C-alpha cells in the first residue's frame, strides 16, 4: 500500500489494560508501508541488527 493510516486506543478495554486515559477523540497515526508484512512472510533483519 502507498499509505497506512491507523487508529489507536479505539477500544475502552485496551485503554484500561494500558492504564491510559480514554481519549475524547480518535488517535490517528501512520505507519510506513515497509513495516507491513503478510501472515506467512519472512521478517528480514538488516545486517546491522545481527
Foldseek 3Di string as FASTA:
>chain_A
DQWAKDWPLPDVVVCVVVVHDRDPDTDIDTDHPVVDDDPPDDDDDDPVVD
